[in-house]
Amino acid sequence: MKDFDTVLVGFDHSHGDPAILIVGRKAPGDNVRIINQFQGKEAEELYRKLVGEEKKA
């Protein structure tokens, strides 16, 4: 595990499409590299965990 890391997350659930969550890593002086992606319910659940939203009934 790194001592320091910058991880960026993008989430899109627009236009009625399945949810997408993309994870990128940014090193100093470098571009963002996409390192993982999640779709559908898994993307929605991860997004809620990351932003602290509780699941709606």
Protein backbone atom coordinates (compact mmCIF):
# COMPACT_ATOMS: atom_id res chain seq x y z
CA MET A 1 0.00 0.00 0.00
CA LYS A 2 1.21 3.52 -0.80
CA ASP A 3 1.86 6.12 1.91
CA PHE A 4 0.18 8.76 -0.27
CA ASP A 5 -2.28 8.34 -3.12
CA THR A 6 -4.82 10.43 -5.00
CA VAL A 7 -7.88 8.51 -6.12
CA LEU A 8 -10.64 10.19 -8.13
CA VAL A 9 -14.16 8.82 -8.57
CA GLY A 10 -16.72 9.67 -11.24
CA PHE A 11 -20.36 8.58 -11.12
CA ASP A 12 -23.03 8.79 -13.84
CA HIS A 13 -26.60 7.54 -13.68
CA SER A 14 -28.23 9.85 -16.20
CA HIS A 15 -30.49 9.40 -19.21
CA GLY A 16 -31.96 6.16 -17.84
CA ASP A 17 -28.71 4.27 -18.49
CA PRO A 18 -27.26 1.81 -15.95
CA ALA A 19 -25.14 3.47 -13.27
CA ILE A 20 -21.40 3.70 -13.93
CA LEU A 21 -18.71 4.43 -11.33
CA ILE A 22 -15.16 4.99 -12.61
CA VAL A 23 -12.06 5.05 -10.39
CA GLY A 24 -8.93 6.89 -11.47
CA ARG A 25 -5.49 7.44 -9.94
CA LYS A 26 -3.54 10.71 -10.26
CA ALA A 27 0.21 10.88 -9.71
CA PRO A 28 1.90 14.28 -9.29
CA GLY A 29 2.67 15.77 -12.70
CA ASP A 30 0.83 12.96 -14.50
CA ASN A 31 -2.57 12.47 -16.11
CA VAL A 32 -5.38 10.56 -14.43
CA ARG A 33 -5.27 6.82 -15.19
CA ILE A 34 -8.51 4.82 -15.02
CA ILE A 35 -7.84 1.86 -12.72
CA ASN A 36 -11.30 0.34 -12.24
CA GLN A 37 -14.98 0.64 -13.17
CA PHE A 38 -18.25 -0.66 -11.78
CA GLN A 39 -21.73 -0.88 -13.31
CA GLY A 40 -25.33 -1.19 -12.22
CA LYS A 41 -26.30 -1.89 -8.62
CA GLU A 42 -22.66 -2.36 -7.56
CA ALA A 43 -21.83 1.15 -8.83
CA GLU A 44 -24.83 2.63 -6.99
CA GLU A 45 -23.94 0.87 -3.72
CA LEU A 46 -20.28 1.96 -3.88
CA TYR A 47 -21.30 5.55 -4.64
CA ARG A 48 -23.66 5.64 -1.65
CA LYS A 49 -20.91 4.28 0.61
CA LEU A 50 -18.41 6.85 -0.62
CA VAL A 51 -20.69 9.87 -0.21
CA GLY A 52 -22.39 8.68 2.98
CA GLU A 53 -25.93 8.44 1.62
CA GLU A 54 -28.16 5.82 3.16
CA LYS A 55 -30.05 3.43 0.93
CA LYS A 56 -33.54 4.66 0.13
CA ALA A 57 -36.44 2.35 0.99
